């Protein structure tokens, strides 16, 4: 855990050097971290643990605010509107960079409105299906999708989200699937089984 705390402290130092309006006493108040992920998911849980430790090291709390939706665009738009004073950070996935091609009119400029700091972590994607479908392997799912195009759905956390892009890629192998998007991946449990 000590190495994680040291790495996160380095993130804070890098951020301090990138914001021109920061004073020598940064941080002098709580720091807001807007997460594009829903509360309680894996990214949220890890972020809370890490940020709690970094808070102890720098003497100021991090306030994590979950703003899921739109494949991350809801949270990103909120950060883009924030004062560029080093007290608002964004926690996003690798799809931050793909939003520019997935959405025609974003309420922010991905290239100029943000300063990247450091990768926060790596998280794998997992393909899961309801047990009632009877699929035992990905090959079973692909066979069923090809046999009845459009009869199966896949859930994602919104257009352009990692889960959405992975689903689109899977469709190339499986044939036609219907996309059902949600504000967060955790809401996918509401997809008919």
N, C-alpha and C. Protein backbone atom coordinates (compact mmCIF):
# COMPACT_ATOMS: atom_id res chain seq x y z
N UNK A 1 0.83 -1.19 0.00
CA UNK A 1 0.00 0.00 0.00
C UNK A 1 0.87 1.25 0.00
N UNK A 2 2.06 1.17 0.61
CA UNK A 2 2.94 2.34 0.67
C UNK A 2 3.32 2.80 -0.74
N UNK A 3 3.59 1.86 -1.66
CA UNK A 3 3.95 2.22 -3.02
C UNK A 3 2.78 2.91 -3.71
N UNK A 4 1.57 2.44 -3.50
CA UNK A 4 0.38 3.07 -4.08
C UNK A 4 0.26 4.50 -3.58
N UNK A 5 0.45 4.72 -2.31
CA UNK A 5 0.34 6.06 -1.74
C UNK A 5 1.40 6.97 -2.34
N UNK A 6 2.61 6.46 -2.52
CA UNK A 6 3.67 7.27 -3.09
C UNK A 6 3.36 7.61 -4.55
N UNK A 7 2.84 6.64 -5.30
CA UNK A 7 2.50 6.89 -6.69
C UNK A 7 1.40 7.93 -6.81
N UNK A 8 0.40 7.83 -5.96
CA UNK A 8 -0.69 8.80 -6.00
C UNK A 8 -0.23 10.17 -5.58
N UNK A 9 0.69 10.24 -4.64
CA UNK A 9 1.24 11.54 -4.25
C UNK A 9 1.95 12.17 -5.44
N UNK A 10 2.59 11.35 -6.27
CA UNK A 10 3.25 11.86 -7.48
C UNK A 10 2.22 12.44 -8.44
N UNK A 11 1.05 11.83 -8.51
CA UNK A 11 -0.03 12.35 -9.34
C UNK A 11 -0.37 13.77 -8.90
N UNK A 12 -0.48 13.96 -7.62
CA UNK A 12 -0.84 15.27 -7.08
C UNK A 12 0.24 16.29 -7.43
N UNK A 13 1.50 15.92 -7.30
CA UNK A 13 2.59 16.84 -7.63
C UNK A 13 2.55 17.20 -9.11
N UNK A 14 2.32 16.23 -9.98
CA UNK A 14 2.23 16.50 -11.40
C UNK A 14 1.09 17.45 -11.71
N UNK A 15 -0.05 17.24 -11.08
CA UNK A 15 -1.19 18.11 -11.30
C UNK A 15 -0.85 19.52 -10.87
N UNK A 16 -0.20 19.65 -9.75
CA UNK A 16 0.15 20.98 -9.24
C UNK A 16 1.04 21.72 -10.23
N UNK A 17 1.91 21.01 -10.90
CA UNK A 17 2.79 21.67 -11.86
C UNK A 17 2.11 22.02 -13.17
N UNK A 18 0.94 21.48 -13.46
CA UNK A 18 0.29 21.74 -14.73
C UNK A 18 -0.71 22.87 -14.68
N UNK A 19 -1.21 23.20 -13.53
CA UNK A 19 -2.23 24.26 -13.44
C UNK A 19 -1.55 25.59 -13.16
N UNK A 20 -1.74 26.54 -14.06
CA UNK A 20 -1.04 27.81 -13.94
C UNK A 20 -1.56 28.67 -12.81
N UNK A 21 -2.80 28.46 -12.39
CA UNK A 21 -3.38 29.33 -11.37
C UNK A 21 -3.19 28.80 -9.95
N UNK A 22 -2.43 27.72 -9.79
CA UNK A 22 -2.23 27.16 -8.46
C UNK A 22 -1.23 28.00 -7.66
N UNK A 23 -1.50 28.15 -6.41
CA UNK A 23 -0.57 28.88 -5.55
C UNK A 23 0.42 27.91 -4.92
N UNK A 24 1.39 28.45 -4.18
CA UNK A 24 2.40 27.62 -3.53
C UNK A 24 1.81 26.77 -2.40
N UNK A 25 0.60 27.08 -1.94
CA UNK A 25 0.01 26.36 -0.82
C UNK A 25 -0.95 25.26 -1.25
N UNK A 26 -0.92 24.88 -2.51
CA UNK A 26 -1.82 23.84 -2.98
C UNK A 26 -1.45 22.52 -2.34
N UNK A 27 -2.38 21.75 -1.88
CA UNK A 27 -3.82 22.03 -1.82
C UNK A 27 -4.20 22.69 -0.50
N UNK A 28 -5.00 23.68 -0.58
CA UNK A 28 -5.43 24.38 0.63
C UNK A 28 -6.89 24.12 0.94
N UNK A 29 -7.55 23.28 0.13
CA UNK A 29 -8.96 22.94 0.36
C UNK A 29 -9.23 21.57 -0.27
N UNK A 30 -10.41 21.01 -0.03
CA UNK A 30 -10.74 19.70 -0.59
C UNK A 30 -10.66 19.68 -2.13
N UNK A 31 -10.34 18.53 -2.67
CA UNK A 31 -10.19 18.34 -4.11
C UNK A 31 -11.33 17.46 -4.60
N UNK A 32 -12.02 17.92 -5.61
CA UNK A 32 -13.14 17.17 -6.18
C UNK A 32 -12.62 16.24 -7.28
N UNK A 33 -13.05 14.99 -7.24
CA UNK A 33 -12.73 14.02 -8.28
C UNK A 33 -14.06 13.55 -8.86
N UNK A 34 -14.30 13.90 -10.10
CA UNK A 34 -15.53 13.48 -10.79
C UNK A 34 -15.24 12.17 -11.49
N UNK A 35 -16.01 11.15 -11.14
CA UNK A 35 -15.85 9.83 -11.73
C UNK A 35 -17.01 9.57 -12.70
N UNK A 36 -16.69 9.06 -13.87
CA UNK A 36 -17.74 8.74 -14.84
C UNK A 36 -18.35 7.37 -14.58
N UNK A 37 -17.93 6.74 -13.48
CA UNK A 37 -18.41 5.41 -13.13
C UNK A 37 -19.45 5.49 -12.02
N UNK A 38 -20.33 4.51 -11.97
CA UNK A 38 -21.36 4.50 -10.93
C UNK A 38 -20.76 4.09 -9.59
N UNK A 39 -21.40 4.53 -8.52
CA UNK A 39 -20.94 4.20 -7.17
C UNK A 39 -21.02 2.70 -6.95
N UNK A 40 -20.00 2.17 -6.31
CA UNK A 40 -20.00 0.76 -5.95
C UNK A 40 -19.37 -0.17 -6.96
N UNK A 41 -19.03 0.30 -8.16
CA UNK A 41 -18.39 -0.61 -9.10
C UNK A 41 -16.90 -0.72 -8.76
N UNK A 42 -16.17 -1.55 -9.48
CA UNK A 42 -14.77 -1.82 -9.14
C UNK A 42 -13.90 -0.57 -9.18
N UNK A 43 -14.06 0.25 -10.21
CA UNK A 43 -13.26 1.47 -10.33
C UNK A 43 -13.55 2.42 -9.18
N UNK A 44 -14.83 2.56 -8.84
CA UNK A 44 -15.23 3.44 -7.74
C UNK A 44 -14.62 2.97 -6.42
N UNK A 45 -14.67 1.69 -6.18
CA UNK A 45 -14.16 1.13 -4.93
C UNK A 45 -12.66 1.36 -4.80
N UNK A 46 -11.92 1.05 -5.86
CA UNK A 46 -10.46 1.25 -5.84
C UNK A 46 -10.14 2.74 -5.69
N UNK A 47 -10.84 3.59 -6.40
CA UNK A 47 -10.59 5.03 -6.31
C UNK A 47 -10.79 5.53 -4.89
N UNK A 48 -11.83 5.09 -4.23
CA UNK A 48 -12.09 5.54 -2.85
C UNK A 48 -10.96 5.11 -1.90
N UNK A 49 -10.49 3.89 -2.07
CA UNK A 49 -9.41 3.39 -1.20
C UNK A 49 -8.12 4.19 -1.44
N UNK A 50 -7.76 4.36 -2.70
CA UNK A 50 -6.53 5.08 -3.03
C UNK A 50 -6.62 6.55 -2.61
N UNK A 51 -7.73 7.20 -2.94
CA UNK A 51 -7.87 8.62 -2.61
C UNK A 51 -7.90 8.87 -1.10
N UNK A 52 -8.42 7.92 -0.34
CA UNK A 52 -8.40 8.06 1.12
C UNK A 52 -6.95 8.10 1.62
N UNK A 53 -6.12 7.24 1.06
CA UNK A 53 -4.71 7.21 1.48
C UNK A 53 -3.98 8.48 1.06
N UNK A 54 -4.23 8.94 -0.17
CA UNK A 54 -3.57 10.15 -0.64
C UNK A 54 -4.03 11.35 0.17
N UNK A 55 -5.29 11.37 0.58
CA UNK A 55 -5.81 12.45 1.43
C UNK A 55 -4.99 12.57 2.71
N UNK A 56 -4.64 11.43 3.30
CA UNK A 56 -3.83 11.44 4.52
C UNK A 56 -2.44 12.01 4.25
N UNK A 57 -1.90 11.69 3.09
CA UNK A 57 -0.55 12.15 2.75
C UNK A 57 -0.49 13.65 2.48
N UNK A 58 -1.52 14.21 1.86
CA UNK A 58 -1.45 15.63 1.48
C UNK A 58 -2.21 16.54 2.44
N UNK A 59 -2.98 15.95 3.34
CA UNK A 59 -3.67 16.75 4.35
C UNK A 59 -4.95 17.41 3.89
N UNK A 60 -5.47 17.01 2.75
CA UNK A 60 -6.75 17.53 2.26
C UNK A 60 -7.57 16.35 1.74
N UNK A 61 -8.89 16.40 1.95
CA UNK A 61 -9.72 15.30 1.46
C UNK A 61 -10.00 15.39 -0.03
N UNK A 62 -10.21 14.23 -0.62
CA UNK A 62 -10.73 14.13 -1.98
C UNK A 62 -12.21 13.83 -1.86
N UNK A 63 -13.02 14.52 -2.60
CA UNK A 63 -14.46 14.29 -2.60
C UNK A 63 -14.79 13.65 -3.94
N UNK A 64 -15.14 12.36 -3.91
CA UNK A 64 -15.44 11.62 -5.14
C UNK A 64 -16.91 11.79 -5.48
N UNK A 65 -17.18 12.29 -6.66
CA UNK A 65 -18.54 12.52 -7.13
C UNK A 65 -18.79 11.65 -8.35
N UNK A 66 -19.74 10.74 -8.26
CA UNK A 66 -20.07 9.85 -9.37
C UNK A 66 -21.03 10.55 -10.32
N UNK A 67 -20.63 10.64 -11.61
CA UNK A 67 -21.46 11.26 -12.64
C UNK A 67 -21.47 10.35 -13.86
N UNK A 68 -22.11 9.16 -13.75
CA UNK A 68 -22.15 8.27 -14.90
C UNK A 68 -23.15 8.76 -15.95
N UNK A 69 -23.06 8.18 -17.12
CA UNK A 69 -24.02 8.47 -18.18
C UNK A 69 -23.35 8.90 -19.46
N UNK A 70 -23.99 8.57 -20.57
CA UNK A 70 -23.50 8.98 -21.88
C UNK A 70 -22.13 8.43 -22.22
N UNK A 71 -21.81 7.25 -21.73
CA UNK A 71 -20.50 6.68 -22.00
C UNK A 71 -19.37 7.50 -21.40
N UNK A 72 -19.68 8.29 -20.38
CA UNK A 72 -18.69 9.10 -19.69
C UNK A 72 -18.81 10.59 -20.00
N UNK A 73 -19.58 10.94 -21.00
CA UNK A 73 -19.65 12.35 -21.42
C UNK A 73 -20.30 13.25 -20.37
N UNK A 74 -21.18 12.72 -19.54
CA UNK A 74 -21.84 13.53 -18.50
C UNK A 74 -20.81 14.05 -17.50
N UNK A 75 -19.99 13.15 -16.99
CA UNK A 75 -18.96 13.54 -16.02
C UNK A 75 -17.89 14.42 -16.64
N UNK A 76 -17.49 14.10 -17.87
CA UNK A 76 -16.46 14.88 -18.54
C UNK A 76 -16.93 16.32 -18.76
N UNK A 77 -18.19 16.49 -19.17
CA UNK A 77 -18.73 17.83 -19.39
C UNK A 77 -18.71 18.64 -18.10
N UNK A 78 -19.00 17.99 -16.97
CA UNK A 78 -18.98 18.69 -15.68
C UNK A 78 -17.58 19.18 -15.34
N UNK A 79 -16.58 18.37 -15.60
CA UNK A 79 -15.20 18.76 -15.30
C UNK A 79 -14.74 19.86 -16.27
N UNK A 80 -15.15 19.77 -17.52
CA UNK A 80 -14.76 20.79 -18.50
C UNK A 80 -15.26 22.18 -18.10
N UNK A 81 -16.40 22.23 -17.41
CA UNK A 81 -16.98 23.51 -16.98
C UNK A 81 -16.38 24.03 -15.67
N UNK A 82 -15.63 23.18 -14.98
CA UNK A 82 -15.07 23.56 -13.68
C UNK A 82 -13.93 24.57 -13.85
N UNK A 83 -13.71 25.35 -12.83
CA UNK A 83 -12.60 26.31 -12.81
C UNK A 83 -11.28 25.54 -12.93
N UNK A 84 -10.39 25.92 -13.84
CA UNK A 84 -9.11 25.20 -14.00
C UNK A 84 -8.09 25.59 -12.94
N UNK A 85 -8.41 25.29 -11.69
CA UNK A 85 -7.58 25.73 -10.57
C UNK A 85 -6.88 24.59 -9.84
N UNK A 86 -6.95 23.37 -10.40
CA UNK A 86 -6.28 22.24 -9.77
C UNK A 86 -7.10 21.56 -8.69
N UNK A 87 -8.34 21.97 -8.51
CA UNK A 87 -9.18 21.38 -7.47
C UNK A 87 -10.31 20.51 -8.03
N UNK A 88 -10.30 20.26 -9.33
CA UNK A 88 -11.26 19.34 -9.93
C UNK A 88 -10.50 18.40 -10.85
N UNK A 89 -10.64 17.09 -10.60
CA UNK A 89 -9.98 16.08 -11.41
C UNK A 89 -11.05 15.18 -12.02
N UNK A 90 -10.65 14.43 -13.03
CA UNK A 90 -11.54 13.52 -13.73
C UNK A 90 -10.99 12.10 -13.64
N UNK A 91 -11.86 11.15 -13.31
CA UNK A 91 -11.51 9.74 -13.33
C UNK A 91 -12.31 9.11 -14.46
N UNK A 92 -11.63 8.66 -15.50
CA UNK A 92 -12.30 8.16 -16.71
C UNK A 92 -11.58 6.92 -17.19
N UNK A 93 -12.12 6.30 -18.21
CA UNK A 93 -11.52 5.10 -18.80
C UNK A 93 -10.78 5.47 -20.09
N UNK A 94 -10.20 4.47 -20.71
CA UNK A 94 -9.47 4.70 -21.96
C UNK A 94 -10.37 5.25 -23.06
N UNK A 95 -11.67 5.11 -22.92
CA UNK A 95 -12.58 5.61 -23.96
C UNK A 95 -12.70 7.12 -23.96
N UNK A 96 -12.06 7.80 -23.03
CA UNK A 96 -12.04 9.26 -23.05
C UNK A 96 -11.60 9.75 -24.43
N UNK A 97 -10.57 9.10 -24.97
CA UNK A 97 -10.02 9.54 -26.25
C UNK A 97 -10.89 9.16 -27.45
N UNK A 98 -11.75 8.18 -27.31
CA UNK A 98 -12.59 7.77 -28.44
C UNK A 98 -13.91 8.53 -28.52
N UNK A 99 -14.26 9.27 -27.48
CA UNK A 99 -15.53 9.99 -27.48
C UNK A 99 -15.63 10.98 -28.63
N UNK A 100 -14.53 11.54 -29.02
CA UNK A 100 -14.52 12.54 -30.08
C UNK A 100 -15.02 11.97 -31.42
N UNK A 101 -14.82 10.67 -31.64
CA UNK A 101 -15.32 10.07 -32.88
C UNK A 101 -16.67 9.37 -32.69
N UNK A 102 -17.07 9.16 -31.45
CA UNK A 102 -18.34 8.48 -31.19
C UNK A 102 -19.53 9.45 -31.09
N UNK A 103 -19.25 10.70 -30.76
CA UNK A 103 -20.31 11.69 -30.56
C UNK A 103 -20.05 12.89 -31.47
N UNK A 104 -21.09 13.32 -32.16
CA UNK A 104 -20.95 14.42 -33.12
C UNK A 104 -20.68 15.77 -32.45
N UNK A 105 -21.42 16.09 -31.40
CA UNK A 105 -21.30 17.39 -30.75
C UNK A 105 -21.06 17.23 -29.26
N UNK A 106 -19.81 17.15 -28.87
CA UNK A 106 -19.48 17.07 -27.44
C UNK A 106 -19.47 18.47 -26.83
N UNK A 107 -19.91 18.59 -25.57
CA UNK A 107 -19.91 19.91 -24.93
C UNK A 107 -18.54 20.29 -24.35
N UNK A 108 -17.48 19.72 -24.90
CA UNK A 108 -16.11 20.00 -24.46
C UNK A 108 -15.16 19.62 -25.57
N UNK A 109 -13.94 20.06 -25.47
CA UNK A 109 -12.89 19.75 -26.43
C UNK A 109 -11.92 18.77 -25.76
N UNK A 110 -11.99 17.52 -26.16
CA UNK A 110 -11.17 16.47 -25.54
C UNK A 110 -9.67 16.78 -25.60
N UNK A 111 -9.23 17.43 -26.65
CA UNK A 111 -7.81 17.67 -26.83
C UNK A 111 -7.29 18.89 -26.08
N UNK A 112 -8.14 19.90 -25.88
CA UNK A 112 -7.66 21.16 -25.32
C UNK A 112 -8.20 21.52 -23.94
N UNK A 113 -9.25 20.87 -23.49
CA UNK A 113 -9.86 21.23 -22.20
C UNK A 113 -9.30 20.46 -21.01
N UNK A 114 -8.38 19.52 -21.27
CA UNK A 114 -7.91 18.65 -20.19
C UNK A 114 -6.39 18.46 -20.27
N UNK A 115 -5.81 18.19 -19.12
CA UNK A 115 -4.39 17.86 -19.03
C UNK A 115 -4.30 16.46 -18.44
N UNK A 116 -3.81 15.48 -19.22
CA UNK A 116 -3.69 14.13 -18.66
C UNK A 116 -2.61 14.10 -17.59
N UNK A 117 -2.87 13.31 -16.55
CA UNK A 117 -1.91 13.25 -15.44
C UNK A 117 -1.18 11.90 -15.43
N UNK A 118 -1.95 10.84 -15.22
CA UNK A 118 -1.32 9.52 -15.11
C UNK A 118 -2.40 8.45 -15.21
N UNK A 119 -2.06 7.29 -15.76
CA UNK A 119 -3.03 6.17 -15.72
C UNK A 119 -3.30 5.78 -14.27
N UNK A 120 -4.55 5.51 -13.96
CA UNK A 120 -4.94 5.19 -12.59
C UNK A 120 -4.90 3.70 -12.32
N UNK A 121 -5.18 2.89 -13.33
CA UNK A 121 -5.18 1.44 -13.14
C UNK A 121 -5.60 0.73 -14.42
N UNK A 122 -5.60 -0.56 -14.37
CA UNK A 122 -6.00 -1.39 -15.50
C UNK A 122 -7.07 -2.35 -15.01
N UNK A 123 -8.13 -2.49 -15.80
CA UNK A 123 -9.24 -3.35 -15.41
C UNK A 123 -9.68 -4.17 -16.62
N UNK A 124 -9.78 -5.49 -16.49
CA UNK A 124 -10.20 -6.32 -17.63
C UNK A 124 -11.70 -6.24 -17.87
N UNK A 125 -12.10 -6.59 -19.07
CA UNK A 125 -13.52 -6.74 -19.39
C UNK A 125 -13.86 -8.22 -19.35
N UNK A 126 -15.08 -8.52 -18.95
CA UNK A 126 -15.52 -9.90 -18.86
C UNK A 126 -16.86 -10.03 -19.57
N UNK A 127 -17.01 -11.07 -20.35
CA UNK A 127 -18.27 -11.37 -21.04
C UNK A 127 -19.10 -12.28 -20.13
N UNK A 128 -20.30 -11.84 -19.79
CA UNK A 128 -21.19 -12.66 -18.95
C UNK A 128 -22.56 -12.73 -19.60
N UNK A 129 -23.25 -13.83 -19.35
CA UNK A 129 -24.62 -14.01 -19.83
C UNK A 129 -25.46 -14.58 -18.69
N UNK A 130 -26.75 -14.35 -18.78
CA UNK A 130 -27.67 -14.92 -17.79
C UNK A 130 -27.66 -16.43 -17.87
N UNK A 131 -27.71 -17.08 -16.72
CA UNK A 131 -27.67 -18.55 -16.70
C UNK A 131 -28.88 -19.19 -17.37
N UNK A 132 -29.97 -18.46 -17.45
CA UNK A 132 -31.18 -19.03 -18.05
C UNK A 132 -31.04 -19.27 -19.55
N UNK A 133 -30.07 -18.63 -20.19
CA UNK A 133 -29.86 -18.80 -21.64
C UNK A 133 -29.21 -20.14 -21.96
N UNK A 134 -28.48 -20.72 -21.02
CA UNK A 134 -27.87 -22.02 -21.24
C UNK A 134 -26.55 -22.01 -22.00
N UNK A 135 -25.97 -20.84 -22.22
CA UNK A 135 -24.68 -20.78 -22.91
C UNK A 135 -23.57 -21.16 -21.95
N UNK A 136 -22.68 -22.01 -22.40
CA UNK A 136 -21.54 -22.44 -21.58
C UNK A 136 -20.24 -21.80 -22.06
N UNK A 137 -20.19 -21.40 -23.33
CA UNK A 137 -18.97 -20.82 -23.91
C UNK A 137 -19.33 -19.64 -24.80
N UNK A 138 -18.31 -18.86 -25.15
CA UNK A 138 -18.54 -17.76 -26.10
C UNK A 138 -18.98 -18.32 -27.45
N UNK A 139 -18.46 -19.48 -27.81
CA UNK A 139 -18.84 -20.12 -29.08
C UNK A 139 -20.34 -20.44 -29.08
N UNK A 140 -20.90 -20.88 -27.94
CA UNK A 140 -22.34 -21.14 -27.85
C UNK A 140 -23.14 -19.86 -28.12
N UNK A 141 -22.67 -18.77 -27.56
CA UNK A 141 -23.34 -17.48 -27.73
C UNK A 141 -23.27 -17.03 -29.19
N UNK A 142 -22.12 -17.17 -29.81
CA UNK A 142 -21.94 -16.78 -31.21
C UNK A 142 -22.85 -17.61 -32.12
N UNK A 143 -22.92 -18.90 -31.86
CA UNK A 143 -23.78 -19.78 -32.66
C UNK A 143 -25.23 -19.36 -32.55
N UNK A 144 -25.70 -19.06 -31.34
CA UNK A 144 -27.09 -18.65 -31.13
C UNK A 144 -27.37 -17.30 -31.80
N UNK A 145 -26.43 -16.38 -31.72
CA UNK A 145 -26.61 -15.06 -32.33
C UNK A 145 -26.69 -15.16 -33.85
N UNK A 146 -25.88 -16.01 -34.43
CA UNK A 146 -25.90 -16.19 -35.89
C UNK A 146 -27.16 -16.91 -36.34
N UNK A 147 -27.68 -17.81 -35.52
CA UNK A 147 -28.88 -18.56 -35.86
C UNK A 147 -30.14 -17.69 -35.84
N UNK A 148 -30.16 -16.69 -34.99
CA UNK A 148 -31.34 -15.81 -34.87
C UNK A 148 -30.88 -14.36 -34.74
N UNK A 149 -30.45 -13.75 -35.86
CA UNK A 149 -29.94 -12.37 -35.81
C UNK A 149 -30.93 -11.40 -35.17
N UNK A 150 -30.43 -10.60 -34.26
CA UNK A 150 -31.27 -9.58 -33.60
C UNK A 150 -32.06 -10.08 -32.41
N UNK A 151 -31.98 -11.36 -32.10
CA UNK A 151 -32.78 -11.90 -30.99
C UNK A 151 -32.09 -11.76 -29.64
N UNK A 152 -30.80 -11.45 -29.63
CA UNK A 152 -30.06 -11.31 -28.39
C UNK A 152 -29.64 -9.85 -28.19
N UNK A 153 -29.59 -9.44 -26.93
CA UNK A 153 -29.17 -8.09 -26.57
C UNK A 153 -27.83 -8.12 -25.87
N UNK A 154 -27.11 -6.99 -25.97
CA UNK A 154 -25.95 -6.82 -25.10
C UNK A 154 -26.09 -5.47 -24.42
N UNK A 155 -25.63 -5.42 -23.18
CA UNK A 155 -25.76 -4.21 -22.39
C UNK A 155 -24.44 -3.47 -22.33
N UNK A 156 -24.52 -2.15 -22.28
CA UNK A 156 -23.32 -1.34 -22.15
C UNK A 156 -23.63 -0.11 -21.29
N UNK A 157 -22.58 0.60 -20.93
CA UNK A 157 -22.72 1.79 -20.10
C UNK A 157 -22.87 3.06 -20.94
N UNK A 158 -23.31 2.93 -22.17
CA UNK A 158 -23.55 4.09 -23.01
C UNK A 158 -22.71 4.09 -24.26
N UNK A 159 -23.15 4.83 -25.27
CA UNK A 159 -22.45 4.90 -26.54
C UNK A 159 -21.03 5.42 -26.30
N UNK A 160 -20.07 4.66 -26.79
CA UNK A 160 -18.68 5.04 -26.64
C UNK A 160 -17.99 4.51 -25.39
N UNK A 161 -18.76 3.95 -24.46
CA UNK A 161 -18.16 3.36 -23.26
C UNK A 161 -17.38 2.11 -23.66
N UNK A 162 -16.43 1.72 -22.83
CA UNK A 162 -15.63 0.53 -23.10
C UNK A 162 -16.52 -0.68 -23.35
N UNK A 163 -17.56 -0.84 -22.53
CA UNK A 163 -18.46 -1.99 -22.70
C UNK A 163 -19.20 -1.92 -24.04
N UNK A 164 -19.53 -0.73 -24.50
CA UNK A 164 -20.20 -0.56 -25.78
C UNK A 164 -19.26 -0.91 -26.94
N UNK A 165 -18.04 -0.40 -26.90
CA UNK A 165 -17.08 -0.68 -27.96
C UNK A 165 -16.74 -2.17 -28.01
N UNK A 166 -16.60 -2.79 -26.84
CA UNK A 166 -16.32 -4.23 -26.80
C UNK A 166 -17.50 -5.02 -27.38
N UNK A 167 -18.72 -4.58 -27.06
CA UNK A 167 -19.91 -5.24 -27.62
C UNK A 167 -19.97 -5.13 -29.12
N UNK A 168 -19.64 -3.97 -29.66
CA UNK A 168 -19.63 -3.78 -31.11
C UNK A 168 -18.59 -4.69 -31.77
N UNK A 169 -17.45 -4.81 -31.11
CA UNK A 169 -16.41 -5.70 -31.65
C UNK A 169 -16.88 -7.16 -31.61
N UNK A 170 -17.56 -7.53 -30.56
CA UNK A 170 -18.06 -8.91 -30.45
C UNK A 170 -19.10 -9.18 -31.53
N UNK A 171 -19.89 -8.17 -31.88
CA UNK A 171 -20.92 -8.33 -32.92
C UNK A 171 -20.29 -8.76 -34.23
N UNK A 172 -19.09 -8.27 -34.51
CA UNK A 172 -18.44 -8.67 -35.77
C UNK A 172 -18.23 -10.19 -35.81
N UNK A 173 -18.00 -10.80 -34.66
CA UNK A 173 -17.83 -12.25 -34.60
C UNK A 173 -19.16 -12.97 -34.51
N UNK A 174 -20.12 -12.38 -33.78
CA UNK A 174 -21.35 -13.07 -33.45
C UNK A 174 -22.51 -12.79 -34.41
N UNK A 175 -22.41 -11.76 -35.19
CA UNK A 175 -23.55 -11.40 -36.02
C UNK A 175 -24.36 -10.33 -35.31
N UNK A 176 -25.59 -10.12 -35.73
CA UNK A 176 -26.39 -9.01 -35.22
C UNK A 176 -26.87 -9.25 -33.79
N UNK A 177 -26.49 -8.33 -32.89
CA UNK A 177 -27.00 -8.27 -31.53
C UNK A 177 -27.62 -6.89 -31.37
N UNK A 178 -28.57 -6.76 -30.48
CA UNK A 178 -29.19 -5.47 -30.22
C UNK A 178 -28.53 -4.84 -29.01
N UNK A 179 -28.13 -3.58 -29.14
CA UNK A 179 -27.45 -2.87 -28.05
C UNK A 179 -28.47 -2.20 -27.15
N UNK A 180 -28.31 -2.39 -25.85
CA UNK A 180 -29.12 -1.71 -24.84
C UNK A 180 -28.16 -0.93 -23.96
N UNK A 181 -28.26 0.42 -23.98
CA UNK A 181 -27.34 1.22 -23.19
C UNK A 181 -27.98 1.68 -21.89
N UNK A 182 -27.15 1.82 -20.88
CA UNK A 182 -27.58 2.23 -19.55
C UNK A 182 -26.67 3.34 -19.07
N UNK A 183 -27.06 4.05 -18.01
CA UNK A 183 -26.21 5.11 -17.45
C UNK A 183 -24.93 4.52 -16.86
N UNK A 184 -25.00 3.29 -16.41
CA UNK A 184 -23.82 2.63 -15.87
C UNK A 184 -23.92 1.14 -16.15
N UNK A 185 -22.77 0.47 -16.14
CA UNK A 185 -22.75 -0.96 -16.42
C UNK A 185 -23.54 -1.75 -15.39
N UNK A 186 -23.57 -1.29 -14.14
CA UNK A 186 -24.30 -1.98 -13.08
C UNK A 186 -25.79 -2.06 -13.34
N UNK A 187 -26.34 -1.13 -14.11
CA UNK A 187 -27.77 -1.15 -14.41
C UNK A 187 -28.14 -2.21 -15.43
N UNK A 188 -27.16 -2.85 -16.04
CA UNK A 188 -27.41 -3.86 -17.05
C UNK A 188 -28.19 -5.06 -16.49
N UNK A 189 -28.20 -5.18 -15.19
CA UNK A 189 -28.95 -6.31 -14.60
C UNK A 189 -30.44 -6.22 -14.93
N UNK A 190 -30.88 -5.05 -15.39
CA UNK A 190 -32.29 -4.85 -15.75
C UNK A 190 -32.60 -5.31 -17.17
N UNK A 191 -31.56 -5.73 -17.91
CA UNK A 191 -31.75 -6.23 -19.26
C UNK A 191 -32.48 -7.56 -19.18
N UNK A 192 -33.51 -7.76 -19.99
CA UNK A 192 -34.23 -9.04 -19.94
C UNK A 192 -33.29 -10.21 -20.14
N UNK A 193 -33.48 -11.23 -19.35
CA UNK A 193 -32.62 -12.41 -19.43
C UNK A 193 -33.26 -13.38 -20.39
